[in-house]
């Protein structure tokens, strides 16, 4: 389970949605799985090298490096979250992605909630717009939940 704490909620909270990526394995077990996979791969490569098929060894090392990069990428993304809160006349959107935090406030009554339709290779996106400001929300949510959040936001903000 992740130990990252979200910032405190604002007073007068009317609506809140938190979106997090699924981190079912956790940090320590994830690296234990990586270690086990790397050990098996190196052991097999060493057996092949001893038998005389030494070219297998560099490919095994390359495989472990690529796998390590993939596990590191998953590790960095496991702590990502998004939160949208409505309190009074403010809609506050906060995001932590890749170790960086961003926060943006919209006026509740000026907010437009738009759903950009699905395109080839991309699912529909919920766009929050106000004037020249725009924010994509809910990338960690499944499509059905993302669309349900958009519908609820339209209802709460009076957006068309």
C-alpha atoms as a PDB file:
ATOM      1  CA  UNK A   1       0.000   0.000   0.000  1.00  0.00           C
ATOM      2  CA  UNK A   2       1.232   3.470  -0.824  1.00  0.00           C
ATOM      3  CA  UNK A   3       2.229   5.831   1.967  1.00  0.00           C
ATOM      4  CA  UNK A   4       1.856   9.054  -0.027  1.00  0.00           C
ATOM      5  CA  UNK A   5      -0.472  11.439   1.789  1.00  0.00           C
ATOM      6  CA  UNK A   6      -2.761  13.714  -0.158  1.00  0.00           C
ATOM      7  CA  UNK A   7      -2.956  17.400   0.820  1.00  0.00           C
ATOM      8  CA  UNK A   8      -5.750  18.274   3.274  1.00  0.00           C
ATOM      9  CA  UNK A   9      -9.245  18.829   1.912  1.00  0.00           C
ATOM     10  CA  UNK A  10     -10.662  22.367   1.746  1.00  0.00           C
ATOM     11  CA  UNK A  11     -13.404  23.492   4.137  1.00  0.00           C
ATOM     12  CA  UNK A  12     -16.979  23.408   2.847  1.00  0.00           C
ATOM     13  CA  UNK A  13     -16.337  20.392   0.636  1.00  0.00           C
ATOM     14  CA  UNK A  14     -19.295  19.461  -1.580  1.00  0.00           C
ATOM     15  CA  UNK A  15     -17.744  16.935  -3.958  1.00  0.00           C
ATOM     16  CA  UNK A  16     -14.428  15.106  -4.156  1.00  0.00           C
ATOM     17  CA  UNK A  17     -12.964  12.571  -6.586  1.00  0.00           C
ATOM     18  CA  UNK A  18      -9.544  10.982  -6.131  1.00  0.00           C
ATOM     19  CA  UNK A  19      -8.015   9.008  -8.985  1.00  0.00           C
ATOM     20  CA  UNK A  20      -4.995   6.779  -8.397  1.00  0.00           C
ATOM     21  CA  UNK A  21      -3.266   4.201 -10.495  1.00  0.00           C
ATOM     22  CA  UNK A  22      -3.630   0.579  -9.465  1.00  0.00           C
ATOM     23  CA  UNK A  23      -0.569  -0.418  -7.437  1.00  0.00           C
ATOM     24  CA  UNK A  24      -1.662  -3.903  -6.466  1.00  0.00           C
ATOM     25  CA  UNK A  25       1.839  -5.270  -5.964  1.00  0.00           C
ATOM     26  CA  UNK A  26       3.499  -2.586  -3.860  1.00  0.00           C
ATOM     27  CA  UNK A  27       7.096  -1.385  -3.790  1.00  0.00           C
ATOM     28  CA  UNK A  28       8.942  -4.181  -1.971  1.00  0.00           C
ATOM     29  CA  UNK A  29       7.183  -7.130  -3.677  1.00  0.00           C
ATOM     30  CA  UNK A  30       7.626  -5.454  -7.073  1.00  0.00           C
ATOM     31  CA  UNK A  31      11.419  -5.354  -6.632  1.00  0.00           C
ATOM     32  CA  UNK A  32      11.420  -8.887  -5.213  1.00  0.00           C
ATOM     33  CA  UNK A  33       9.700 -10.083  -8.395  1.00  0.00           C
ATOM     34  CA  UNK A  34      12.281  -8.180 -10.458  1.00  0.00           C
ATOM     35  CA  UNK A  35      15.121  -9.789  -8.479  1.00  0.00           C
ATOM     36  CA  UNK A  36      13.656 -13.262  -8.969  1.00  0.00           C
ATOM     37  CA  UNK A  37      13.199 -12.719 -12.720  1.00  0.00           C
ATOM     38  CA  UNK A  38      16.732 -11.324 -13.055  1.00  0.00           C
ATOM     39  CA  UNK A  39      18.213 -14.244 -11.087  1.00  0.00           C
ATOM     40  CA  UNK A  40      16.413 -16.845 -13.219  1.00  0.00           C
ATOM     41  CA  UNK A  41      17.427 -15.096 -16.448  1.00  0.00           C
ATOM     42  CA  UNK A  42      21.085 -14.816 -15.404  1.00  0.00           C
ATOM     43  CA  UNK A  43      21.166 -18.412 -14.158  1.00  0.00           C
ATOM     44  CA  UNK A  44      19.819 -19.714 -17.469  1.00  0.00           C
ATOM     45  CA  UNK A  45      22.227 -17.498 -19.405  1.00  0.00           C
ATOM     46  CA  UNK A  46      25.135 -18.747 -17.289  1.00  0.00           C
ATOM     47  CA  UNK A  47      24.165 -22.380 -17.991  1.00  0.00           C
ATOM     48  CA  UNK A  48      24.048 -21.648 -21.726  1.00  0.00           C
ATOM     49  CA  UNK A  49      27.405 -19.826 -21.502  1.00  0.00           C
ATOM     50  CA  UNK A  50      29.026 -22.795 -19.754  1.00  0.00           C
ATOM     51  CA  UNK A  51      27.718 -25.154 -22.446  1.00  0.00           C
ATOM     52  CA  UNK A  52      29.282 -22.918 -25.089  1.00  0.00           C
ATOM     53  CA  UNK A  53      26.398 -20.703 -26.176  1.00  0.00           C
ATOM     54  CA  UNK A  54      28.016 -17.603 -24.662  1.00  0.00           C
ATOM     55  CA  UNK A  55      26.193 -15.093 -26.970  1.00  0.00           C
ATOM     56  CA  UNK A  56      23.091 -15.685 -24.818  1.00  0.00           C
ATOM     57  CA  UNK A  57      24.719 -13.876 -21.884  1.00  0.00           C
ATOM     58  CA  UNK A  58      24.782 -10.309 -23.336  1.00  0.00           C
ATOM     59  CA  UNK A  59      21.151 -10.653 -24.451  1.00  0.00           C
ATOM     60  CA  UNK A  60      20.177 -11.789 -20.976  1.00  0.00           C
ATOM     61  CA  UNK A  61      21.914  -8.755 -19.462  1.00  0.00           C
ATOM     62  CA  UNK A  62      20.154  -6.495 -21.984  1.00  0.00           C
ATOM     63  CA  UNK A  63      16.834  -8.143 -21.087  1.00  0.00           C
ATOM     64  CA  UNK A  64      17.424  -7.453 -17.381  1.00  0.00           C
ATOM     65  CA  UNK A  65      18.337  -3.812 -18.047  1.00  0.00           C
ATOM     66  CA  UNK A  66      15.167  -3.267 -20.111  1.00  0.00           C
ATOM     67  CA  UNK A  67      13.066  -5.046 -17.487  1.00  0.00           C
ATOM     68  CA  UNK A  68      14.669  -2.894 -14.774  1.00  0.00           C
ATOM     69  CA  UNK A  69      13.791   0.261 -16.728  1.00  0.00           C
ATOM     70  CA  UNK A  70      10.184  -0.941 -17.043  1.00  0.00           C
ATOM     71  CA  UNK A  71       9.973  -1.680 -13.309  1.00  0.00           C
ATOM     72  CA  UNK A  72      11.463   1.745 -12.535  1.00  0.00           C
ATOM     73  CA  UNK A  73       8.871   3.410 -14.792  1.00  0.00           C
ATOM     74  CA  UNK A  74       6.069   1.555 -12.991  1.00  0.00           C
ATOM     75  CA  UNK A  75       7.592   2.548  -9.646  1.00  0.00           C
ATOM     76  CA  UNK A  76       7.579   6.238 -10.553  1.00  0.00           C
ATOM     77  CA  UNK A  77       3.991   6.105 -11.844  1.00  0.00           C
ATOM     78  CA  UNK A  78       2.658   4.103  -8.875  1.00  0.00           C
ATOM     79  CA  UNK A  79       2.610   7.206  -6.668  1.00  0.00           C
ATOM     80  CA  UNK A  80       0.647   9.355  -9.156  1.00  0.00           C
ATOM     81  CA  UNK A  81      -2.762  10.706  -8.163  1.00  0.00           C
ATOM     82  CA  UNK A  82      -5.339  13.303  -9.173  1.00  0.00           C
ATOM     83  CA  UNK A  83      -7.956  14.955  -7.003  1.00  0.00           C
ATOM     84  CA  UNK A  84     -10.850  17.185  -7.955  1.00  0.00           C
ATOM     85  CA  UNK A  85     -12.800  18.987  -5.249  1.00  0.00           C
ATOM     86  CA  UNK A  86     -15.721  21.374  -5.364  1.00  0.00           C
ATOM     87  CA  UNK A  87     -16.033  23.728  -2.416  1.00  0.00           C
ATOM     88  CA  UNK A  88     -18.210  26.802  -2.630  1.00  0.00           C
ATOM     89  CA  UNK A  89     -17.588  28.607  -5.905  1.00  0.00           C
ATOM     90  CA  UNK A  90     -14.199  26.951  -6.508  1.00  0.00           C
ATOM     91  CA  UNK A  91     -13.255  23.793  -8.373  1.00  0.00           C
ATOM     92  CA  UNK A  92      -9.762  22.739  -7.327  1.00  0.00           C
ATOM     93  CA  UNK A  93      -7.824  20.207  -9.381  1.00  0.00           C
ATOM     94  CA  UNK A  94      -4.599  18.772  -7.974  1.00  0.00           C
ATOM     95  CA  UNK A  95      -2.226  16.333  -9.583  1.00  0.00           C
ATOM     96  CA  UNK A  96       0.953  14.539  -8.575  1.00  0.00           C
ATOM     97  CA  UNK A  97       2.693  12.858 -11.502  1.00  0.00           C
ATOM     98  CA  UNK A  98       6.287  11.740 -11.776  1.00  0.00           C
ATOM     99  CA  UNK A  99       7.214  13.423  -8.503  1.00  0.00           C
ATOM    100  CA  UNK A 100       5.810  16.831  -9.545  1.00  0.00           C
ATOM    101  CA  UNK A 101       2.706  18.389  -8.029  1.00  0.00           C
ATOM    102  CA  UNK A 102       0.389  20.788  -9.804  1.00  0.00           C
ATOM    103  CA  UNK A 103      -2.684  22.624  -8.556  1.00  0.00           C
ATOM    104  CA  UNK A 104      -5.230  24.699 -10.412  1.00  0.00           C
ATOM    105  CA  UNK A 105      -8.401  26.472  -9.352  1.00  0.00           C
ATOM    106  CA  UNK A 106     -11.378  27.194 -11.562  1.00  0.00           C
ATOM    107  CA  UNK A 107     -14.436  29.328 -10.885  1.00  0.00           C
ATOM    108  CA  UNK A 108     -17.279  26.846 -10.466  1.00  0.00           C
ATOM    109  CA  UNK A 109     -19.775  28.824 -12.503  1.00  0.00           C
ATOM    110  CA  UNK A 110     -17.422  29.569 -15.413  1.00  0.00           C
ATOM    111  CA  UNK A 111     -16.206  26.007 -15.746  1.00  0.00           C
ATOM    112  CA  UNK A 112     -17.011  24.070 -18.905  1.00  0.00           C
ATOM    113  CA  UNK A 113     -16.810  20.291 -18.715  1.00  0.00           C
ATOM    114  CA  UNK A 114     -16.110  18.780 -22.123  1.00  0.00           C
ATOM    115  CA  UNK A 115     -15.570  15.204 -23.178  1.00  0.00           C
ATOM    116  CA  UNK A 116     -13.181  14.860 -26.098  1.00  0.00           C
ATOM    117  CA  UNK A 117     -14.365  11.804 -28.014  1.00  0.00           C
ATOM    118  CA  UNK A 118     -12.320   8.661 -28.340  1.00  0.00           C
ATOM    119  CA  UNK A 119      -9.902   8.599 -31.242  1.00  0.00           C
ATOM    120  CA  UNK A 120      -7.852   5.819 -32.705  1.00  0.00           C
ATOM    121  CA  UNK A 121      -5.675   4.458 -29.906  1.00  0.00           C
ATOM    122  CA  UNK A 122      -6.955   6.942 -27.294  1.00  0.00           C
ATOM    123  CA  UNK A 123      -9.891   6.790 -24.919  1.00  0.00           C
ATOM    124  CA  UNK A 124     -12.223   9.769 -24.323  1.00  0.00           C
ATOM    125  CA  UNK A 125     -10.782  12.537 -22.151  1.00  0.00           C
ATOM    126  CA  UNK A 126     -12.547  14.819 -19.690  1.00  0.00           C
ATOM    127  CA  UNK A 127     -11.461  18.408 -20.267  1.00  0.00           C
ATOM    128  CA  UNK A 128     -12.080  21.167 -17.728  1.00  0.00           C
ATOM    129  CA  UNK A 129     -12.029  24.570 -19.431  1.00  0.00           C
ATOM    130  CA  UNK A 130     -12.410  28.131 -18.253  1.00  0.00           C
ATOM    131  CA  UNK A 131     -11.319  30.940 -20.531  1.00  0.00           C
ATOM    132  CA  UNK A 132      -7.889  29.999 -21.878  1.00  0.00           C
ATOM    133  CA  UNK A 133      -7.213  27.495 -19.096  1.00  0.00           C
ATOM    134  CA  UNK A 134      -7.695  23.803 -19.756  1.00  0.00           C
ATOM    135  CA  UNK A 135      -7.022  20.697 -17.694  1.00  0.00           C
ATOM    136  CA  UNK A 136      -7.365  17.011 -18.534  1.00  0.00           C
ATOM    137  CA  UNK A 137      -8.800  15.086 -15.589  1.00  0.00           C
ATOM    138  CA  UNK A 138      -9.192  11.395 -14.843  1.00  0.00           C
ATOM    139  CA  UNK A 139      -6.519   9.715 -16.926  1.00  0.00           C
ATOM    140  CA  UNK A 140      -6.132   7.076 -14.173  1.00  0.00           C
ATOM    141  CA  UNK A 141      -9.880   6.344 -14.113  1.00  0.00           C
ATOM    142  CA  UNK A 142     -11.524   3.658 -16.226  1.00  0.00           C
ATOM    143  CA  UNK A 143     -13.502   5.143 -19.134  1.00  0.00           C
ATOM    144  CA  UNK A 144     -16.940   4.459 -17.617  1.00  0.00           C
ATOM    145  CA  UNK A 145     -15.992   6.138 -14.321  1.00  0.00           C
ATOM    146  CA  UNK A 146     -14.360   9.040 -16.169  1.00  0.00           C
ATOM    147  CA  UNK A 147     -17.578   9.678 -18.101  1.00  0.00           C
ATOM    148  CA  UNK A 148     -19.654   9.360 -14.904  1.00  0.00           C
ATOM    149  CA  UNK A 149     -17.430  11.975 -13.223  1.00  0.00           C
ATOM    150  CA  UNK A 150     -17.892  14.287 -16.226  1.00  0.00           C
ATOM    151  CA  UNK A 151     -21.668  13.922 -15.993  1.00  0.00           C
ATOM    152  CA  UNK A 152     -21.637  14.618 -12.239  1.00  0.00           C
ATOM    153  CA  UNK A 153     -19.379  17.653 -12.720  1.00  0.00           C
ATOM    154  CA  UNK A 154     -21.762  19.029 -15.331  1.00  0.00           C
ATOM    155  CA  UNK A 155     -24.618  18.620 -12.889  1.00  0.00           C
ATOM    156  CA  UNK A 156     -22.752  20.261 -10.000  1.00  0.00           C
ATOM    157  CA  UNK A 157     -21.343  23.179 -11.985  1.00  0.00           C
ATOM    158  CA  UNK A 158     -24.366  23.841 -14.140  1.00  0.00           C
ATOM    159  CA  UNK A 159     -22.152  23.282 -17.179  1.00  0.00           C
ATOM    160  CA  UNK A 160     -23.774  22.300 -20.443  1.00  0.00           C
END
